[in-house]
Amino acid sequence: MRRTALVVVAVALGGCVFRAADPPRYYRPESAGLSGAAAPETAPATMIRLRAVRARPFLRERIVWRTGSEYGMYEQRRWSELPEAYAERALESALRREGNIGLTDDDTRVPALYAEVVAFDEVLAPQHVANVAIGVSLADANGHRILERTFSVDAPVADENPRTLAHAIGTALDDVTAQVARAVSTSLTAATPRSPAHKRRAGTRG
């Protein structure tokens, strides 16, 4: 009887130790930029090349959490695509919505925009927020930097539900890519040489 009881206990403990882990669950940011929102139908004033968006090496499928300087990854919570893929599509949408920017892959004589996702995180403390940060560098055809800056947006996360995080990440992604697009538009306008006639007209004012 004693030996039988020990076998039963051993089997039960073995079942606990070797129980299959829960399968991963996949999420997608709830982002307007990923839904293919229509761009303005006006002809763009400036064409640029958006180079392939990169991401920090640890920003992969598994959803990243952090508190202060400590980082971790959820085992079962994962993105359905890589964060850099989400960022690239959302950034394309934001740039097209600016109206004065067109995107091309062929013309090497136009400015090039480089972007890197540096945060795509659930921040647990001191406040529970979703943080998306993108570093960008815009260079003209000669390689001169027109814009170099990191843009970061926090969106509040109301509860522990992963779907709530997906919604907050989408909100932050839309906001940060809109900021990037506005800054690119402003920088291109400032860097565009004015025509001599425009300069003469500007000089006669006042």
C-alpha atoms as a PDB file:
ATOM      1  CA  MET A   1       0.000   0.000   0.000  1.00  0.00           C
ATOM      2  CA  ARG A   2       2.781   2.380   0.936  1.00  0.00           C
ATOM      3  CA  ARG A   3       4.633   1.659  -2.309  1.00  0.00           C
ATOM      4  CA  THR A   4       1.453   2.220  -4.324  1.00  0.00           C
ATOM      5  CA  ALA A   5       0.817   5.520  -2.584  1.00  0.00           C
ATOM      6  CA  LEU A   6       4.370   6.676  -3.367  1.00  0.00           C
ATOM      7  CA  VAL A   7       3.924   5.781  -7.031  1.00  0.00           C
ATOM      8  CA  VAL A   8       0.667   7.747  -7.182  1.00  0.00           C
ATOM      9  CA  VAL A   9       2.328  10.783  -5.587  1.00  0.00           C
ATOM     10  CA  ALA A  10       5.293  10.529  -7.957  1.00  0.00           C
ATOM     11  CA  VAL A  11       3.032  10.368 -10.997  1.00  0.00           C
ATOM     12  CA  ALA A  12       1.038  13.360  -9.753  1.00  0.00           C
ATOM     13  CA  LEU A  13       4.182  15.402  -9.155  1.00  0.00           C
ATOM     14  CA  GLY A  14       5.533  14.366 -12.546  1.00  0.00           C
ATOM     15  CA  GLY A  15       2.348  15.595 -14.146  1.00  0.00           C
ATOM     16  CA  CYS A  16       2.813  18.991 -12.489  1.00  0.00           C
ATOM     17  CA  VAL A  17       6.450  19.249 -13.526  1.00  0.00           C
ATOM     18  CA  PHE A  18       5.955  18.146 -17.111  1.00  0.00           C
ATOM     19  CA  ARG A  19       2.545  19.718 -17.750  1.00  0.00           C
ATOM     20  CA  ALA A  20       2.543  21.356 -21.161  1.00  0.00           C
ATOM     21  CA  ALA A  21       2.852  25.142 -21.009  1.00  0.00           C
ATOM     22  CA  ASP A  22      -0.050  27.229 -22.200  1.00  0.00           C
ATOM     23  CA  PRO A  23       0.241  27.950 -25.930  1.00  0.00           C
ATOM     24  CA  PRO A  24       1.300  31.497 -26.886  1.00  0.00           C
ATOM     25  CA  ARG A  25      -1.376  34.046 -27.676  1.00  0.00           C
ATOM     26  CA  TYR A  26      -0.819  36.606 -30.418  1.00  0.00           C
ATOM     27  CA  TYR A  27      -1.887  40.256 -30.475  1.00  0.00           C
ATOM     28  CA  ARG A  28      -1.956  43.091 -32.987  1.00  0.00           C
ATOM     29  CA  PRO A  29      -1.779  46.806 -32.082  1.00  0.00           C
ATOM     30  CA  GLU A  30      -5.100  48.587 -32.551  1.00  0.00           C
ATOM     31  CA  SER A  31      -3.706  51.278 -34.818  1.00  0.00           C
ATOM     32  CA  ALA A  32      -5.411  53.451 -37.433  1.00  0.00           C
ATOM     33  CA  GLY A  33      -2.112  53.560 -39.297  1.00  0.00           C
ATOM     34  CA  LEU A  34      -2.230  49.780 -39.764  1.00  0.00           C
ATOM     35  CA  SER A  35      -5.767  49.819 -41.121  1.00  0.00           C
ATOM     36  CA  GLY A  36      -4.775  51.416 -44.428  1.00  0.00           C
ATOM     37  CA  ALA A  37      -6.410  54.809 -43.848  1.00  0.00           C
ATOM     38  CA  ALA A  38      -6.768  56.701 -47.123  1.00  0.00           C
ATOM     39  CA  ALA A  39      -4.159  59.336 -47.944  1.00  0.00           C
ATOM     40  CA  PRO A  40      -5.016  62.747 -49.436  1.00  0.00           C
ATOM     41  CA  GLU A  41      -5.403  62.734 -53.214  1.00  0.00           C
ATOM     42  CA  THR A  42      -3.265  65.850 -53.728  1.00  0.00           C
ATOM     43  CA  ALA A  43      -0.030  65.551 -55.684  1.00  0.00           C
ATOM     44  CA  PRO A  44       2.958  65.396 -53.281  1.00  0.00           C
ATOM     45  CA  ALA A  45       5.394  68.302 -53.390  1.00  0.00           C
ATOM     46  CA  THR A  46       8.403  66.268 -52.228  1.00  0.00           C
ATOM     47  CA  MET A  47       9.387  62.649 -52.775  1.00  0.00           C
ATOM     48  CA  ILE A  48      11.438  60.713 -50.241  1.00  0.00           C
ATOM     49  CA  ARG A  49      12.707  57.176 -49.840  1.00  0.00           C
ATOM     50  CA  LEU A  50      11.631  55.394 -46.657  1.00  0.00           C
ATOM     51  CA  ARG A  51      14.324  52.848 -45.977  1.00  0.00           C
ATOM     52  CA  ALA A  52      13.500  49.548 -44.258  1.00  0.00           C
ATOM     53  CA  VAL A  53      12.609  50.241 -40.629  1.00  0.00           C
ATOM     54  CA  ARG A  54      14.837  48.520 -38.080  1.00  0.00           C
ATOM     55  CA  ALA A  55      14.319  47.690 -34.414  1.00  0.00           C
ATOM     56  CA  ARG A  56      16.480  47.053 -31.377  1.00  0.00           C
ATOM     57  CA  PRO A  57      17.514  43.357 -31.283  1.00  0.00           C
ATOM     58  CA  PHE A  58      15.338  42.453 -28.280  1.00  0.00           C
ATOM     59  CA  LEU A  59      12.160  43.811 -29.867  1.00  0.00           C
ATOM     60  CA  ARG A  60      10.918  40.633 -31.474  1.00  0.00           C
ATOM     61  CA  GLU A  61       7.697  38.587 -31.269  1.00  0.00           C
ATOM     62  CA  ARG A  62       7.534  38.323 -27.498  1.00  0.00           C
ATOM     63  CA  ILE A  63       5.950  41.360 -25.848  1.00  0.00           C
ATOM     64  CA  VAL A  64       8.441  43.354 -23.779  1.00  0.00           C
ATOM     65  CA  TRP A  65       7.712  44.724 -20.310  1.00  0.00           C
ATOM     66  CA  ARG A  66       9.900  46.985 -18.218  1.00  0.00           C
ATOM     67  CA  THR A  67      10.092  48.723 -14.873  1.00  0.00           C
ATOM     68  CA  GLY A  68      12.778  51.385 -14.676  1.00  0.00           C
ATOM     69  CA  SER A  69      15.981  49.785 -15.956  1.00  0.00           C
ATOM     70  CA  GLU A  70      14.714  46.178 -15.731  1.00  0.00           C
ATOM     71  CA  TYR A  71      13.420  44.512 -18.903  1.00  0.00           C
ATOM     72  CA  GLY A  72      11.637  41.227 -19.427  1.00  0.00           C
ATOM     73  CA  MET A  73       9.544  39.354 -21.973  1.00  0.00           C
ATOM     74  CA  TYR A  74       6.267  37.533 -21.644  1.00  0.00           C
ATOM     75  CA  GLU A  75       6.430  33.878 -22.628  1.00  0.00           C
ATOM     76  CA  GLN A  76       2.850  33.494 -23.871  1.00  0.00           C
ATOM     77  CA  ARG A  77       2.064  37.074 -24.999  1.00  0.00           C
ATOM     78  CA  ARG A  78       3.416  37.770 -28.464  1.00  0.00           C
ATOM     79  CA  TRP A  79       2.917  40.145 -31.379  1.00  0.00           C
ATOM     80  CA  SER A  80       1.559  38.613 -34.569  1.00  0.00           C
ATOM     81  CA  GLU A  81       4.290  40.472 -36.512  1.00  0.00           C
ATOM     82  CA  LEU A  82       7.578  42.098 -35.578  1.00  0.00           C
ATOM     83  CA  PRO A  83       7.341  45.631 -34.122  1.00  0.00           C
ATOM     84  CA  GLU A  84       9.457  46.999 -36.980  1.00  0.00           C
ATOM     85  CA  ALA A  85       6.860  45.748 -39.499  1.00  0.00           C
ATOM     86  CA  TYR A  86       4.068  47.540 -37.624  1.00  0.00           C
ATOM     87  CA  ALA A  87       6.164  50.715 -37.376  1.00  0.00           C
ATOM     88  CA  GLU A  88       7.042  50.717 -41.076  1.00  0.00           C
ATOM     89  CA  ARG A  89       3.415  50.431 -42.202  1.00  0.00           C
ATOM     90  CA  ALA A  90       2.186  53.021 -39.706  1.00  0.00           C
ATOM     91  CA  LEU A  91       4.971  55.406 -40.711  1.00  0.00           C
ATOM     92  CA  GLU A  92       4.152  55.005 -44.405  1.00  0.00           C
ATOM     93  CA  SER A  93       0.506  55.851 -43.674  1.00  0.00           C
ATOM     94  CA  ALA A  94       1.445  58.881 -41.566  1.00  0.00           C
ATOM     95  CA  LEU A  95       3.815  60.249 -44.217  1.00  0.00           C
ATOM     96  CA  ARG A  96       1.221  59.883 -46.975  1.00  0.00           C
ATOM     97  CA  ARG A  97      -1.412  61.608 -44.841  1.00  0.00           C
ATOM     98  CA  GLU A  98       0.803  64.692 -44.618  1.00  0.00           C
ATOM     99  CA  GLY A  99      -0.242  65.428 -48.204  1.00  0.00           C
ATOM    100  CA  ASN A 100       2.991  67.041 -49.372  1.00  0.00           C
ATOM    101  CA  ILE A 101       5.144  63.894 -49.133  1.00  0.00           C
ATOM    102  CA  GLY A 102       5.331  61.075 -51.645  1.00  0.00           C
ATOM    103  CA  LEU A 103       7.206  57.786 -51.235  1.00  0.00           C
ATOM    104  CA  THR A 104       9.438  56.172 -53.839  1.00  0.00           C
ATOM    105  CA  ASP A 105      11.848  53.233 -53.889  1.00  0.00           C
ATOM    106  CA  ASP A 106      13.528  54.024 -57.191  1.00  0.00           C
ATOM    107  CA  ASP A 107      14.860  57.577 -57.142  1.00  0.00           C
ATOM    108  CA  THR A 108      18.175  57.840 -55.305  1.00  0.00           C
ATOM    109  CA  ARG A 109      18.273  61.614 -55.895  1.00  0.00           C
ATOM    110  CA  VAL A 110      15.630  62.283 -53.223  1.00  0.00           C
ATOM    111  CA  PRO A 111      16.031  62.500 -49.428  1.00  0.00           C
ATOM    112  CA  ALA A 112      16.138  59.207 -47.536  1.00  0.00           C
ATOM    113  CA  LEU A 113      14.432  58.556 -44.197  1.00  0.00           C
ATOM    114  CA  TYR A 114      15.910  55.968 -41.828  1.00  0.00           C
ATOM    115  CA  ALA A 115      13.970  54.818 -38.767  1.00  0.00           C
ATOM    116  CA  GLU A 116      14.647  52.500 -35.832  1.00  0.00           C
ATOM    117  CA  VAL A 117      12.137  51.300 -33.251  1.00  0.00           C
ATOM    118  CA  VAL A 118      13.835  51.810 -29.895  1.00  0.00           C
ATOM    119  CA  ALA A 119      10.837  51.047 -27.649  1.00  0.00           C
ATOM    120  CA  PHE A 120       7.677  49.023 -28.131  1.00  0.00           C
ATOM    121  CA  ASP A 121       7.106  48.246 -24.478  1.00  0.00           C
ATOM    122  CA  GLU A 122       4.625  47.791 -21.688  1.00  0.00           C
ATOM    123  CA  VAL A 123       5.928  49.999 -18.870  1.00  0.00           C
ATOM    124  CA  LEU A 124       4.693  48.633 -15.533  1.00  0.00           C
ATOM    125  CA  ALA A 125       6.095  51.309 -13.182  1.00  0.00           C
ATOM    126  CA  PRO A 126       6.129  54.046 -12.053  1.00  0.00           C
ATOM    127  CA  GLN A 127       3.022  54.375 -14.255  1.00  0.00           C
ATOM    128  CA  HIS A 128       1.343  51.674 -16.324  1.00  0.00           C
ATOM    129  CA  VAL A 129       1.712  52.898 -19.904  1.00  0.00           C
ATOM    130  CA  ALA A 130       2.545  51.682 -23.380  1.00  0.00           C
ATOM    131  CA  ASN A 131       5.661  53.326 -24.758  1.00  0.00           C
ATOM    132  CA  VAL A 132       6.571  53.484 -28.449  1.00  0.00           C
ATOM    133  CA  ALA A 133       9.737  55.340 -29.446  1.00  0.00           C
ATOM    134  CA  ILE A 134      11.229  55.727 -32.922  1.00  0.00           C
ATOM    135  CA  GLY A 135      14.584  57.242 -33.776  1.00  0.00           C
ATOM    136  CA  VAL A 136      14.746  58.830 -37.223  1.00  0.00           C
ATOM    137  CA  SER A 137      17.399  60.285 -39.484  1.00  0.00           C
ATOM    138  CA  LEU A 138      16.535  62.203 -42.656  1.00  0.00           C
ATOM    139  CA  ALA A 139      19.351  62.893 -45.116  1.00  0.00           C
ATOM    140  CA  ASP A 140      19.348  64.639 -48.473  1.00  0.00           C
ATOM    141  CA  ALA A 141      20.712  63.074 -51.670  1.00  0.00           C
ATOM    142  CA  ASN A 142      24.234  64.234 -50.727  1.00  0.00           C
ATOM    143  CA  GLY A 143      24.067  62.583 -47.299  1.00  0.00           C
ATOM    144  CA  HIS A 144      23.631  65.819 -45.331  1.00  0.00           C
ATOM    145  CA  ARG A 145      21.445  65.361 -42.260  1.00  0.00           C
ATOM    146  CA  ILE A 146      18.207  67.334 -42.398  1.00  0.00           C
ATOM    147  CA  LEU A 147      16.634  65.808 -39.292  1.00  0.00           C
ATOM    148  CA  GLU A 148      17.909  63.531 -36.537  1.00  0.00           C
ATOM    149  CA  ARG A 149      15.744  62.933 -33.492  1.00  0.00           C
ATOM    150  CA  THR A 150      14.048  60.298 -31.344  1.00  0.00           C
ATOM    151  CA  PHE A 151      10.290  60.591 -30.913  1.00  0.00           C
ATOM    152  CA  SER A 152       8.564  58.924 -27.959  1.00  0.00           C
ATOM    153  CA  VAL A 153       4.911  58.653 -26.902  1.00  0.00           C
ATOM    154  CA  ASP A 154       3.275  57.094 -23.824  1.00  0.00           C
ATOM    155  CA  ALA A 155      -0.338  55.904 -23.802  1.00  0.00           C
ATOM    156  CA  PRO A 156      -2.052  54.856 -20.546  1.00  0.00           C
ATOM    157  CA  VAL A 157      -2.891  51.180 -19.976  1.00  0.00           C
ATOM    158  CA  ALA A 158      -6.076  50.906 -17.918  1.00  0.00           C
ATOM    159  CA  ASP A 159      -5.836  47.273 -16.738  1.00  0.00           C
ATOM    160  CA  GLU A 160      -3.921  44.002 -16.994  1.00  0.00           C
ATOM    161  CA  ASN A 161      -5.786  42.692 -20.038  1.00  0.00           C
ATOM    162  CA  PRO A 162      -3.357  42.115 -22.964  1.00  0.00           C
ATOM    163  CA  ARG A 163      -6.001  43.480 -25.358  1.00  0.00           C
ATOM    164  CA  THR A 164      -5.907  46.763 -23.451  1.00  0.00           C
ATOM    165  CA  LEU A 165      -2.151  46.873 -23.959  1.00  0.00           C
ATOM    166  CA  ALA A 166      -2.599  46.196 -27.693  1.00  0.00           C
ATOM    167  CA  HIS A 167      -5.005  49.143 -27.891  1.00  0.00           C
ATOM    168  CA  ALA A 168      -2.586  51.424 -25.994  1.00  0.00           C
ATOM    169  CA  ILE A 169       0.391  50.376 -28.125  1.00  0.00           C
ATOM    170  CA  GLY A 170      -1.658  51.156 -31.238  1.00  0.00           C
ATOM    171  CA  THR A 171      -2.552  54.596 -29.891  1.00  0.00           C
ATOM    172  CA  ALA A 172       1.093  55.355 -29.086  1.00  0.00           C
ATOM    173  CA  LEU A 173       2.193  54.061 -32.503  1.00  0.00           C
ATOM    174  CA  ASP A 174      -0.272  56.335 -34.311  1.00  0.00           C
ATOM    175  CA  ASP A 175       0.758  59.365 -32.253  1.00  0.00           C
ATOM    176  CA  VAL A 176       4.509  58.855 -32.588  1.00  0.00           C
ATOM    177  CA  THR A 177       4.403  58.212 -36.358  1.00  0.00           C
ATOM    178  CA  ALA A 178       2.234  61.319 -36.816  1.00  0.00           C
ATOM    179  CA  GLN A 179       4.886  63.330 -34.942  1.00  0.00           C
ATOM    180  CA  VAL A 180       7.613  61.889 -37.157  1.00  0.00           C
ATOM    181  CA  ALA A 181       5.657  62.701 -40.327  1.00  0.00           C
ATOM    182  CA  ARG A 182       5.048  66.312 -39.252  1.00  0.00           C
ATOM    183  CA  ALA A 183       8.714  66.789 -38.372  1.00  0.00           C
ATOM    184  CA  VAL A 184       9.808  65.307 -41.712  1.00  0.00           C
ATOM    185  CA  SER A 185       7.399  67.586 -43.585  1.00  0.00           C
ATOM    186  CA  THR A 186       8.623  70.659 -41.704  1.00  0.00           C
ATOM    187  CA  SER A 187      12.293  69.738 -42.213  1.00  0.00           C
ATOM    188  CA  LEU A 188      11.822  69.150 -45.935  1.00  0.00           C
ATOM    189  CA  THR A 189      10.074  72.490 -46.337  1.00  0.00           C
ATOM    190  CA  ALA A 190      12.857  74.300 -44.497  1.00  0.00           C
ATOM    191  CA  ALA A 191      15.552  72.530 -46.537  1.00  0.00           C
ATOM    192  CA  THR A 192      13.957  73.169 -49.934  1.00  0.00           C
ATOM    193  CA  PRO A 193      15.774  76.024 -51.754  1.00  0.00           C
ATOM    194  CA  ARG A 194      13.496  78.948 -52.532  1.00  0.00           C
ATOM    195  CA  SER A 195      13.249  80.263 -56.071  1.00  0.00           C
ATOM    196  CA  PRO A 196      14.931  83.640 -56.855  1.00  0.00           C
ATOM    197  CA  ALA A 197      11.509  85.190 -57.557  1.00  0.00           C
ATOM    198  CA  HIS A 198      10.243  84.051 -54.164  1.00  0.00           C
ATOM    199  CA  LYS A 199      13.313  85.511 -52.476  1.00  0.00           C
ATOM    200  CA  ARG A 200      12.818  88.867 -54.228  1.00  0.00           C
ATOM    201  CA  ARG A 201       9.194  88.984 -53.148  1.00  0.00           C
ATOM    202  CA  ALA A 202      10.135  88.108 -49.575  1.00  0.00           C
ATOM    203  CA  GLY A 203      12.787  90.839 -49.559  1.00  0.00           C
ATOM    204  CA  THR A 204      10.335  93.560 -50.552  1.00  0.00           C
ATOM    205  CA  ARG A 205       8.000  92.918 -47.640  1.00  0.00           C
ATOM    206  CA  GLY A 206       7.971  95.359 -44.766  1.00  0.00           C
END
